[in-house]
Amino acid sequence: MVNEEIIQQLNIIFRQVFDNNDISVDETTTAADLEDWDSLNHLQLVVAIEKHYHIRFTAAQAQNWSNVGDIVAAIIQKQAVS
């Protein structure tokens, strides 16, 4: 259930960052799937996720995300450490 809850929250964050209420992401969604997911929006996503979950990622961690599933795993890992 945790993954599903995080995916729901990430959908809200993605919609806010991309200013597009039609976006729907799942664990397999990649930057190639979203037209506006460029390096600038990636940084904005990282910041929005960090603020929402009160966690911090290193640049290397955020750069290694290849899909939304990687983001979910990173959030779970950070929450386990906190």
PDB file of N, CA and C in Angstrom:
ATOM      1  N   MET A   1       0.825  -1.205   0.000  1.00  0.00           N
ATOM      2  CA  MET A   1       0.000   0.000   0.000  1.00  0.00           C
ATOM      3  C   MET A   1       0.861   1.257   0.000  1.00  0.00           C
ATOM      4  N   VAL A   2       2.026   1.180   0.596  1.00  0.00           N
ATOM      5  CA  VAL A   2       2.893   2.352   0.671  1.00  0.00           C
ATOM      6  C   VAL A   2       3.222   2.867  -0.724  1.00  0.00           C
ATOM      7  N   ASN A   3       3.592   1.965  -1.632  1.00  0.00           N
ATOM      8  CA  ASN A   3       3.922   2.386  -2.996  1.00  0.00           C
ATOM      9  C   ASN A   3       2.752   3.114  -3.646  1.00  0.00           C
ATOM     10  N   GLU A   4       1.551   2.583  -3.470  1.00  0.00           N
ATOM     11  CA  GLU A   4       0.366   3.199  -4.072  1.00  0.00           C
ATOM     12  C   GLU A   4       0.136   4.601  -3.513  1.00  0.00           C
ATOM     13  N   GLU A   5       0.333   4.766  -2.221  1.00  0.00           N
ATOM     14  CA  GLU A   5       0.155   6.081  -1.602  1.00  0.00           C
ATOM     15  C   GLU A   5       1.189   7.069  -2.132  1.00  0.00           C
ATOM     16  N   ILE A   6       2.419   6.612  -2.276  1.00  0.00           N
ATOM     17  CA  ILE A   6       3.469   7.488  -2.803  1.00  0.00           C
ATOM     18  C   ILE A   6       3.171   7.843  -4.251  1.00  0.00           C
ATOM     19  N   ILE A   7       2.732   6.883  -5.046  1.00  0.00           N
ATOM     20  CA  ILE A   7       2.382   7.157  -6.450  1.00  0.00           C
ATOM     21  C   ILE A   7       1.272   8.200  -6.513  1.00  0.00           C
ATOM     22  N   GLN A   8       0.274   8.092  -5.638  1.00  0.00           N
ATOM     23  CA  GLN A   8      -0.808   9.085  -5.617  1.00  0.00           C
ATOM     24  C   GLN A   8      -0.259  10.471  -5.324  1.00  0.00           C
ATOM     25  N   GLN A   9       0.630  10.575  -4.350  1.00  0.00           N
ATOM     26  CA  GLN A   9       1.222  11.869  -4.020  1.00  0.00           C
ATOM     27  C   GLN A   9       2.111  12.373  -5.151  1.00  0.00           C
ATOM     28  N   LEU A  10       2.857  11.465  -5.776  1.00  0.00           N
ATOM     29  CA  LEU A  10       3.714  11.876  -6.892  1.00  0.00           C
ATOM     30  C   LEU A  10       2.884  12.382  -8.064  1.00  0.00           C
ATOM     31  N   ASN A  11       1.724  11.795  -8.296  1.00  0.00           N
ATOM     32  CA  ASN A  11       0.853  12.299  -9.355  1.00  0.00           C
ATOM     33  C   ASN A  11       0.474  13.747  -9.085  1.00  0.00           C
ATOM     34  N   ILE A  12       0.162  14.062  -7.853  1.00  0.00           N
ATOM     35  CA  ILE A  12      -0.176  15.442  -7.489  1.00  0.00           C
ATOM     36  C   ILE A  12       1.023  16.354  -7.720  1.00  0.00           C
ATOM     37  N   ILE A  13       2.202  15.913  -7.285  1.00  0.00           N
ATOM     38  CA  ILE A  13       3.417  16.719  -7.445  1.00  0.00           C
ATOM     39  C   ILE A  13       3.738  16.919  -8.918  1.00  0.00           C
ATOM     40  N   PHE A  14       3.683  15.861  -9.715  1.00  0.00           N
ATOM     41  CA  PHE A  14       3.951  15.981 -11.153  1.00  0.00           C
ATOM     42  C   PHE A  14       2.974  16.962 -11.798  1.00  0.00           C
ATOM     43  N   ARG A  15       1.701  16.876 -11.438  1.00  0.00           N
ATOM     44  CA  ARG A  15       0.697  17.777 -12.023  1.00  0.00           C
ATOM     45  C   ARG A  15       0.989  19.228 -11.666  1.00  0.00           C
ATOM     46  N   GLN A  16       1.446  19.459 -10.446  1.00  0.00           N
ATOM     47  CA  GLN A  16       1.776  20.823 -10.035  1.00  0.00           C
ATOM     48  C   GLN A  16       3.022  21.331 -10.751  1.00  0.00           C
ATOM     49  N   VAL A  17       4.072  20.526 -10.782  1.00  0.00           N
ATOM     50  CA  VAL A  17       5.334  20.952 -11.402  1.00  0.00           C
ATOM     51  C   VAL A  17       5.152  21.184 -12.896  1.00  0.00           C
ATOM     52  N   PHE A  18       4.428  20.289 -13.560  1.00  0.00           N
ATOM     53  CA  PHE A  18       4.241  20.402 -15.002  1.00  0.00           C
ATOM     54  C   PHE A  18       3.032  21.252 -15.373  1.00  0.00           C
ATOM     55  N   ASP A  19       2.284  21.706 -14.361  1.00  0.00           N
ATOM     56  CA  ASP A  19       1.088  22.523 -14.576  1.00  0.00           C
ATOM     57  C   ASP A  19       0.159  21.855 -15.586  1.00  0.00           C
ATOM     58  N   ASN A  20      -0.098  20.560 -15.344  1.00  0.00           N
ATOM     59  CA  ASN A  20      -0.911  19.767 -16.262  1.00  0.00           C
ATOM     60  C   ASN A  20      -1.689  18.738 -15.443  1.00  0.00           C
ATOM     61  N   ASN A  21      -2.989  18.964 -15.310  1.00  0.00           N
ATOM     62  CA  ASN A  21      -3.827  18.067 -14.517  1.00  0.00           C
ATOM     63  C   ASN A  21      -4.115  16.740 -15.195  1.00  0.00           C
ATOM     64  N   ASP A  22      -3.715  16.592 -16.452  1.00  0.00           N
ATOM     65  CA  ASP A  22      -3.959  15.351 -17.180  1.00  0.00           C
ATOM     66  C   ASP A  22      -2.846  14.322 -16.996  1.00  0.00           C
ATOM     67  N   ILE A  23      -1.749  14.721 -16.373  1.00  0.00           N
ATOM     68  CA  ILE A  23      -0.622  13.804 -16.186  1.00  0.00           C
ATOM     69  C   ILE A  23      -1.010  12.706 -15.206  1.00  0.00           C
ATOM     70  N   SER A  24      -0.640  11.486 -15.568  1.00  0.00           N
ATOM     71  CA  SER A  24      -0.813  10.343 -14.684  1.00  0.00           C
ATOM     72  C   SER A  24       0.445   9.494 -14.790  1.00  0.00           C
ATOM     73  N   VAL A  25       1.127   9.321 -13.672  1.00  0.00           N
ATOM     74  CA  VAL A  25       2.359   8.539 -13.675  1.00  0.00           C
ATOM     75  C   VAL A  25       2.156   7.248 -12.896  1.00  0.00           C
ATOM     76  N   ASP A  26       2.952   6.255 -13.248  1.00  0.00           N
ATOM     77  CA  ASP A  26       3.025   5.016 -12.482  1.00  0.00           C
ATOM     78  C   ASP A  26       4.492   4.646 -12.355  1.00  0.00           C
ATOM     79  N   GLU A  27       4.780   3.503 -11.789  1.00  0.00           N
ATOM     80  CA  GLU A  27       6.171   3.144 -11.520  1.00  0.00           C
ATOM     81  C   GLU A  27       7.017   3.005 -12.779  1.00  0.00           C
ATOM     82  N   THR A  28       6.385   2.792 -13.923  1.00  0.00           N
ATOM     83  CA  THR A  28       7.150   2.603 -15.161  1.00  0.00           C
ATOM     84  C   THR A  28       7.344   3.888 -15.956  1.00  0.00           C
ATOM     85  N   THR A  29       6.734   4.978 -15.535  1.00  0.00           N
ATOM     86  CA  THR A  29       6.829   6.247 -16.263  1.00  0.00           C
ATOM     87  C   THR A  29       8.264   6.766 -16.249  1.00  0.00           C
ATOM     88  N   THR A  30       8.754   7.167 -17.435  1.00  0.00           N
ATOM     89  CA  THR A  30      10.103   7.727 -17.565  1.00  0.00           C
ATOM     90  C   THR A  30      10.010   9.146 -18.107  1.00  0.00           C
ATOM     91  N   ALA A  31      11.132   9.834 -18.100  1.00  0.00           N
ATOM     92  CA  ALA A  31      11.180  11.192 -18.651  1.00  0.00           C
ATOM     93  C   ALA A  31      10.788  11.192 -20.121  1.00  0.00           C
ATOM     94  N   ALA A  32      11.096  10.138 -20.828  1.00  0.00           N
ATOM     95  CA  ALA A  32      10.748  10.054 -22.249  1.00  0.00           C
ATOM     96  C   ALA A  32       9.233   9.996 -22.461  1.00  0.00           C
ATOM     97  N   ASP A  33       8.496   9.593 -21.442  1.00  0.00           N
ATOM     98  CA  ASP A  33       7.036   9.492 -21.551  1.00  0.00           C
ATOM     99  C   ASP A  33       6.327  10.833 -21.398  1.00  0.00           C
ATOM    100  N   LEU A  34       7.009  11.809 -20.803  1.00  0.00           N
ATOM    101  CA  LEU A  34       6.407  13.121 -20.568  1.00  0.00           C
ATOM    102  C   LEU A  34       7.181  14.177 -21.337  1.00  0.00           C
ATOM    103  N   GLU A  35       6.507  14.816 -22.245  1.00  0.00           N
ATOM    104  CA  GLU A  35       7.143  15.772 -23.155  1.00  0.00           C
ATOM    105  C   GLU A  35       7.943  16.850 -22.426  1.00  0.00           C
ATOM    106  N   ASP A  36       7.426  17.347 -21.326  1.00  0.00           N
ATOM    107  CA  ASP A  36       8.070  18.472 -20.640  1.00  0.00           C
ATOM    108  C   ASP A  36       9.041  18.063 -19.536  1.00  0.00           C
ATOM    109  N   TRP A  37       9.318  16.769 -19.403  1.00  0.00           N
ATOM    110  CA  TRP A  37      10.223  16.320 -18.352  1.00  0.00           C
ATOM    111  C   TRP A  37      11.659  16.492 -18.827  1.00  0.00           C
ATOM    112  N   ASP A  38      12.144  17.714 -18.677  1.00  0.00           N
ATOM    113  CA  ASP A  38      13.519  18.039 -19.058  1.00  0.00           C
ATOM    114  C   ASP A  38      14.335  18.248 -17.784  1.00  0.00           C
ATOM    115  N   SER A  39      15.574  18.674 -17.940  1.00  0.00           N
ATOM    116  CA  SER A  39      16.453  18.803 -16.773  1.00  0.00           C
ATOM    117  C   SER A  39      15.945  19.851 -15.781  1.00  0.00           C
ATOM    118  N   LEU A  40      15.381  20.940 -16.273  1.00  0.00           N
ATOM    119  CA  LEU A  40      14.859  21.971 -15.376  1.00  0.00           C
ATOM    120  C   LEU A  40      13.669  21.443 -14.575  1.00  0.00           C
ATOM    121  N   ASN A  41      12.728  20.810 -15.261  1.00  0.00           N
ATOM    122  CA  ASN A  41      11.576  20.260 -14.553  1.00  0.00           C
ATOM    123  C   ASN A  41      11.984  19.117 -13.628  1.00  0.00           C
ATOM    124  N   HIS A  42      13.039  18.398 -13.991  1.00  0.00           N
ATOM    125  CA  HIS A  42      13.533  17.339 -13.109  1.00  0.00           C
ATOM    126  C   HIS A  42      13.998  17.946 -11.781  1.00  0.00           C
ATOM    127  N   LEU A  43      14.728  19.046 -11.869  1.00  0.00           N
ATOM    128  CA  LEU A  43      15.174  19.728 -10.646  1.00  0.00           C
ATOM    129  C   LEU A  43      13.987  20.222  -9.832  1.00  0.00           C
ATOM    130  N   GLN A  44      12.989  20.762 -10.513  1.00  0.00           N
ATOM    131  CA  GLN A  44      11.798  21.238  -9.812  1.00  0.00           C
ATOM    132  C   GLN A  44      11.052  20.082  -9.146  1.00  0.00           C
ATOM    133  N   LEU A  45      11.032  18.927  -9.810  1.00  0.00           N
ATOM    134  CA  LEU A  45      10.420  17.740  -9.217  1.00  0.00           C
ATOM    135  C   LEU A  45      11.157  17.328  -7.948  1.00  0.00           C
ATOM    136  N   VAL A  46      12.476  17.295  -8.038  1.00  0.00           N
ATOM    137  CA  VAL A  46      13.284  16.905  -6.882  1.00  0.00           C
ATOM    138  C   VAL A  46      12.980  17.818  -5.698  1.00  0.00           C
ATOM    139  N   VAL A  47      12.980  19.114  -5.936  1.00  0.00           N
ATOM    140  CA  VAL A  47      12.717  20.079  -4.863  1.00  0.00           C
ATOM    141  C   VAL A  47      11.308  19.890  -4.299  1.00  0.00           C
ATOM    142  N   ALA A  48      10.330  19.713  -5.168  1.00  0.00           N
ATOM    143  CA  ALA A  48       8.947  19.535  -4.716  1.00  0.00           C
ATOM    144  C   ALA A  48       8.796  18.252  -3.899  1.00  0.00           C
ATOM    145  N   ILE A  49       9.456  17.186  -4.336  1.00  0.00           N
ATOM    146  CA  ILE A  49       9.404  15.918  -3.599  1.00  0.00           C
ATOM    147  C   ILE A  49      10.088  16.072  -2.247  1.00  0.00           C
ATOM    148  N   GLU A  50      11.238  16.717  -2.238  1.00  0.00           N
ATOM    149  CA  GLU A  50      11.953  16.940  -0.978  1.00  0.00           C
ATOM    150  C   GLU A  50      11.101  17.740   0.003  1.00  0.00           C
ATOM    151  N   LYS A  51      10.457  18.783  -0.480  1.00  0.00           N
ATOM    152  CA  LYS A  51       9.614  19.609   0.394  1.00  0.00           C
ATOM    153  C   LYS A  51       8.425  18.811   0.922  1.00  0.00           C
ATOM    154  N   HIS A  52       7.784  18.070   0.038  1.00  0.00           N
ATOM    155  CA  HIS A  52       6.592  17.318   0.434  1.00  0.00           C
ATOM    156  C   HIS A  52       6.918  16.269   1.500  1.00  0.00           C
ATOM    157  N   TYR A  53       8.003  15.557   1.302  1.00  0.00           N
ATOM    158  CA  TYR A  53       8.355  14.455   2.203  1.00  0.00           C
ATOM    159  C   TYR A  53       9.360  14.848   3.291  1.00  0.00           C
ATOM    160  N   HIS A  54       9.811  16.096   3.283  1.00  0.00           N
ATOM    161  CA  HIS A  54      10.782  16.576   4.276  1.00  0.00           C
ATOM    162  C   HIS A  54      12.036  15.701   4.291  1.00  0.00           C
ATOM    163  N   ILE A  55      12.557  15.463   3.088  1.00  0.00           N
ATOM    164  CA  ILE A  55      13.772  14.669   2.919  1.00  0.00           C
ATOM    165  C   ILE A  55      14.699  15.396   1.957  1.00  0.00           C
ATOM    166  N   ARG A  56      15.923  14.921   1.848  1.00  0.00           N
ATOM    167  CA  ARG A  56      16.902  15.498   0.919  1.00  0.00           C
ATOM    168  C   ARG A  56      17.553  14.384   0.111  1.00  0.00           C
ATOM    169  N   PHE A  57      17.781  14.680  -1.164  1.00  0.00           N
ATOM    170  CA  PHE A  57      18.503  13.771  -2.042  1.00  0.00           C
ATOM    171  C   PHE A  57      19.796  14.435  -2.480  1.00  0.00           C
ATOM    172  N   THR A  58      20.826  13.634  -2.683  1.00  0.00           N
ATOM    173  CA  THR A  58      22.041  14.173  -3.284  1.00  0.00           C
ATOM    174  C   THR A  58      21.796  14.310  -4.778  1.00  0.00           C
ATOM    175  N   ALA A  59      22.617  15.096  -5.435  1.00  0.00           N
ATOM    176  CA  ALA A  59      22.493  15.246  -6.888  1.00  0.00           C
ATOM    177  C   ALA A  59      22.656  13.894  -7.570  1.00  0.00           C
ATOM    178  N   ALA A  60      23.589  13.095  -7.095  1.00  0.00           N
ATOM    179  CA  ALA A  60      23.829  11.777  -7.699  1.00  0.00           C
ATOM    180  C   ALA A  60      22.605  10.876  -7.566  1.00  0.00           C
ATOM    181  N   GLN A  61      21.950  10.913  -6.414  1.00  0.00           N
ATOM    182  CA  GLN A  61      20.751  10.094  -6.230  1.00  0.00           C
ATOM    183  C   GLN A  61      19.666  10.494  -7.221  1.00  0.00           C
ATOM    184  N   ALA A  62      19.414  11.780  -7.331  1.00  0.00           N
ATOM    185  CA  ALA A  62      18.357  12.267  -8.220  1.00  0.00           C
ATOM    186  C   ALA A  62      18.687  12.026  -9.687  1.00  0.00           C
ATOM    187  N   GLN A  63      19.950  12.069 -10.040  1.00  0.00           N
ATOM    188  CA  GLN A  63      20.350  11.835 -11.429  1.00  0.00           C
ATOM    189  C   GLN A  63      20.214  10.370 -11.816  1.00  0.00           C
ATOM    190  N   ASN A  64      20.252   9.481 -10.848  1.00  0.00           N
ATOM    191  CA  ASN A  64      20.186   8.050 -11.136  1.00  0.00           C
ATOM    192  C   ASN A  64      18.769   7.522 -11.312  1.00  0.00           C
ATOM    193  N   TRP A  65      17.768   8.357 -11.097  1.00  0.00           N
ATOM    194  CA  TRP A  65      16.392   7.906 -11.283  1.00  0.00           C
ATOM    195  C   TRP A  65      16.120   7.700 -12.763  1.00  0.00           C
ATOM    196  N   SER A  66      15.702   6.501 -13.128  1.00  0.00           N
ATOM    197  CA  SER A  66      15.379   6.254 -14.533  1.00  0.00           C
ATOM    198  C   SER A  66      13.877   6.189 -14.773  1.00  0.00           C
ATOM    199  N   ASN A  67      13.107   6.051 -13.693  1.00  0.00           N
ATOM    200  CA  ASN A  67      11.653   6.048 -13.823  1.00  0.00           C
ATOM    201  C   ASN A  67      11.024   6.409 -12.475  1.00  0.00           C
ATOM    202  N   VAL A  68       9.720   6.514 -12.465  1.00  0.00           N
ATOM    203  CA  VAL A  68       9.015   6.896 -11.238  1.00  0.00           C
ATOM    204  C   VAL A  68       9.199   5.833 -10.153  1.00  0.00           C
ATOM    205  N   GLY A  69       9.335   4.581 -10.550  1.00  0.00           N
ATOM    206  CA  GLY A  69       9.594   3.523  -9.578  1.00  0.00           C
ATOM    207  C   GLY A  69      10.869   3.768  -8.794  1.00  0.00           C
ATOM    208  N   ASP A  70      11.889   4.302  -9.463  1.00  0.00           N
ATOM    209  CA  ASP A  70      13.136   4.647  -8.774  1.00  0.00           C
ATOM    210  C   ASP A  70      12.910   5.764  -7.759  1.00  0.00           C
ATOM    211  N   ILE A  71      12.047   6.706  -8.106  1.00  0.00           N
ATOM    212  CA  ILE A  71      11.726   7.803  -7.188  1.00  0.00           C
ATOM    213  C   ILE A  71      11.010   7.246  -5.958  1.00  0.00           C
ATOM    214  N   VAL A  72      10.052   6.354  -6.187  1.00  0.00           N
ATOM    215  CA  VAL A  72       9.323   5.732  -5.076  1.00  0.00           C
ATOM    216  C   VAL A  72      10.300   5.008  -4.150  1.00  0.00           C
ATOM    217  N   ALA A  73      11.199   4.225  -4.727  1.00  0.00           N
ATOM    218  CA  ALA A  73      12.181   3.482  -3.927  1.00  0.00           C
ATOM    219  C   ALA A  73      13.075   4.430  -3.132  1.00  0.00           C
ATOM    220  N   ALA A  74      13.465   5.540  -3.745  1.00  0.00           N
ATOM    221  CA  ALA A  74      14.321   6.515  -3.067  1.00  0.00           C
ATOM    222  C   ALA A  74      13.585   7.168  -1.900  1.00  0.00           C
ATOM    223  N   ILE A  75      12.310   7.470  -2.094  1.00  0.00           N
ATOM    224  CA  ILE A  75      11.506   8.061  -1.016  1.00  0.00           C
ATOM    225  C   ILE A  75      11.387   7.075   0.142  1.00  0.00           C
ATOM    226  N   ILE A  76      11.077   5.827  -0.165  1.00  0.00           N
ATOM    227  CA  ILE A  76      10.938   4.804   0.878  1.00  0.00           C
ATOM    228  C   ILE A  76      12.253   4.640   1.634  1.00  0.00           C
ATOM    229  N   GLN A  77      13.356   4.616   0.904  1.00  0.00           N
ATOM    230  CA  GLN A  77      14.667   4.470   1.536  1.00  0.00           C
ATOM    231  C   GLN A  77      14.958   5.648   2.468  1.00  0.00           C
ATOM    232  N   LYS A  78      14.686   6.866   2.001  1.00  0.00           N
ATOM    233  CA  LYS A  78      14.940   8.051   2.830  1.00  0.00           C
ATOM    234  C   LYS A  78      14.048   8.068   4.067  1.00  0.00           C
ATOM    235  N   GLN A  79      12.799   7.644   3.909  1.00  0.00           N
ATOM    236  CA  GLN A  79      11.890   7.619   5.053  1.00  0.00           C
ATOM    237  C   GLN A  79      12.325   6.583   6.085  1.00  0.00           C
ATOM    238  N   ALA A  80      12.901   5.497   5.631  1.00  0.00           N
ATOM    239  CA  ALA A  80      13.359   4.449   6.544  1.00  0.00           C
ATOM    240  C   ALA A  80      14.541   4.927   7.377  1.00  0.00           C
ATOM    241  N   VAL A  81      15.350   5.812   6.792  1.00  0.00           N
ATOM    242  CA  VAL A  81      16.535   6.330   7.472  1.00  0.00           C
ATOM    243  C   VAL A  81      16.163   7.415   8.469  1.00  0.00           C
ATOM    244  N   SER A  82      15.123   8.182   8.147  1.00  0.00           N
ATOM    245  CA  SER A  82      14.738   9.324   8.998  1.00  0.00           C
ATOM    246  C   SER A  82      14.228   8.895  10.346  1.00  0.00           C
TER     247      SER A  82
END
